[in-house]
């Protein structure tokens, strides 16, 4: 939600307040920061396709403990770091946040599978 809010706020600031209210608005050329904001948000939406089902599985299966709690926190903070690092425009530094989020969700998925198999 934060990434979406930032994308909308950036559109208002760069295009004027009425831009998002017009149904026949013209296509705009986005600058470097505008493209990074748009791509970071798009990546958050795409990553939800594998993170949200894992988190739902953890909740429904009742996976508890210190490890899963830390892994869930790593997922959230890793994805937040990914967005912030993406905004910087420094190539490849955002991979640190992406890796944290992915490894945390992988750990949780393995915990779910282990609980189902057991």
Protein backbone atom coordinates (compact mmCIF):
# COMPACT_ATOMS: atom_id res chain seq x y z
CA UNK A 1 0.00 0.00 0.00
CA UNK A 2 2.87 2.34 0.74
CA UNK A 3 4.40 1.80 -2.71
CA UNK A 4 1.02 2.52 -4.32
CA UNK A 5 0.62 5.68 -2.24
CA UNK A 6 4.06 6.87 -3.29
CA UNK A 7 3.30 6.20 -6.96
CA UNK A 8 0.02 8.14 -6.78
CA UNK A 9 1.60 11.01 -4.85
CA UNK A 10 4.43 11.22 -7.37
CA UNK A 11 1.89 11.38 -10.23
CA UNK A 12 0.03 14.21 -8.48
CA UNK A 13 3.24 16.11 -7.82
CA UNK A 14 4.65 15.70 -11.30
CA UNK A 15 1.44 15.97 -13.40
CA UNK A 16 -0.83 18.15 -11.31
CA UNK A 17 -3.70 17.28 -9.03
CA UNK A 18 -6.30 16.77 -11.78
CA UNK A 19 -4.22 14.19 -13.68
CA UNK A 20 -5.58 11.08 -11.93
CA UNK A 21 -9.18 12.29 -12.08
CA UNK A 22 -9.31 12.50 -15.88
CA UNK A 23 -10.48 9.43 -17.77
CA UNK A 24 -9.05 10.72 -21.05
CA UNK A 25 -5.63 11.73 -19.82
CA UNK A 26 -2.80 11.56 -22.32
CA UNK A 27 0.12 9.16 -21.97
CA UNK A 28 2.97 10.84 -20.19
CA UNK A 29 6.69 10.42 -20.43
CA UNK A 30 8.01 9.45 -17.05
CA UNK A 31 11.42 10.53 -15.87
CA UNK A 32 13.98 8.17 -14.37
CA UNK A 33 12.53 8.44 -10.84
CA UNK A 34 8.97 8.05 -12.13
CA UNK A 35 9.91 4.85 -13.95
CA UNK A 36 11.66 3.46 -10.87
CA UNK A 37 8.62 4.24 -8.72
CA UNK A 38 6.32 2.56 -11.25
CA UNK A 39 8.55 -0.51 -11.59
CA UNK A 40 9.02 -0.89 -7.83
CA UNK A 41 5.26 -0.87 -7.33
CA UNK A 42 4.75 -3.35 -10.20
CA UNK A 43 7.32 -5.66 -8.63
CA UNK A 44 5.51 -5.48 -5.28
CA UNK A 45 2.28 -6.53 -7.00
CA UNK A 46 4.00 -9.40 -8.82
CA UNK A 47 5.78 -10.64 -5.69
CA UNK A 48 2.46 -10.76 -3.85
CA UNK A 49 1.61 -13.73 -6.11
CA UNK A 50 4.04 -15.93 -4.19
CA UNK A 51 4.35 -14.20 -0.83
CA UNK A 52 0.66 -13.82 0.08
CA UNK A 53 -0.23 -17.52 -0.47
CA UNK A 54 2.69 -18.54 1.72
CA UNK A 55 1.63 -16.16 4.48
CA UNK A 56 -1.97 -17.40 4.23
CA UNK A 57 -0.71 -20.98 4.45
CA UNK A 58 1.32 -20.15 7.54
CA UNK A 59 -1.74 -18.63 9.13
CA UNK A 60 -4.16 -21.41 8.19
CA UNK A 61 -1.80 -24.20 9.17
CA UNK A 62 -0.96 -22.54 12.47
CA UNK A 63 2.79 -22.47 11.91
CA UNK A 64 4.19 -20.92 15.07
CA UNK A 65 7.50 -20.40 16.73
CA UNK A 66 10.36 -17.99 16.79
CA UNK A 67 11.76 -19.05 13.40
CA UNK A 68 8.58 -18.43 11.40
CA UNK A 69 8.01 -15.12 13.21
CA UNK A 70 11.52 -13.94 12.33
CA UNK A 71 11.11 -15.18 8.74
CA UNK A 72 7.82 -13.28 8.36
CA UNK A 73 9.48 -10.12 9.67
CA UNK A 74 12.36 -10.64 7.23
CA UNK A 75 9.85 -10.96 4.37
CA UNK A 76 8.16 -7.68 5.29
CA UNK A 77 11.35 -5.74 5.93
CA UNK A 78 13.09 -7.27 2.91
CA UNK A 79 10.30 -6.19 0.57
CA UNK A 80 10.23 -2.71 2.12
CA UNK A 81 14.00 -2.43 1.71
CA UNK A 82 13.69 -3.61 -1.88
CA UNK A 83 11.34 -0.73 -2.73
CA UNK A 84 13.50 1.86 -1.02
CA UNK A 85 16.66 0.52 -2.65
CA UNK A 86 14.91 0.43 -6.04
CA UNK A 87 14.12 4.14 -5.71
CA UNK A 88 17.84 4.93 -5.36
CA UNK A 89 18.54 3.81 -8.91
CA UNK A 90 21.79 2.09 -7.93
CA UNK A 91 21.99 -1.05 -10.06
CA UNK A 92 21.88 -4.40 -8.26
CA UNK A 93 21.74 -3.00 -4.70
CA UNK A 94 18.01 -3.75 -4.55
CA UNK A 95 18.84 -7.46 -4.86
CA UNK A 96 19.71 -7.44 -1.15
CA UNK A 97 16.12 -6.62 -0.22
CA UNK A 98 14.71 -8.99 -2.83
CA UNK A 99 16.88 -11.83 -1.52
CA UNK A 100 15.82 -11.26 2.08
CA UNK A 101 12.15 -11.26 1.11
CA UNK A 102 12.52 -14.35 -1.06
CA UNK A 103 14.54 -16.36 1.45
CA UNK A 104 12.11 -15.53 4.23
CA UNK A 105 9.14 -16.65 2.15
CA UNK A 106 11.01 -19.79 1.06
CA UNK A 107 11.67 -20.66 4.71
CA UNK A 108 7.98 -20.21 5.51
CA UNK A 109 6.94 -22.33 2.52
CA UNK A 110 9.26 -25.13 3.66
CA UNK A 111 7.75 -24.92 7.15
CA UNK A 112 4.26 -25.25 5.67
CA UNK A 113 5.25 -28.22 3.52
CA UNK A 114 6.96 -29.91 6.47
CA UNK A 115 3.82 -29.50 8.57
CA UNK A 116 1.62 -30.93 5.81
CA UNK A 117 3.91 -33.91 5.17
CA UNK A 118 4.36 -34.72 8.87
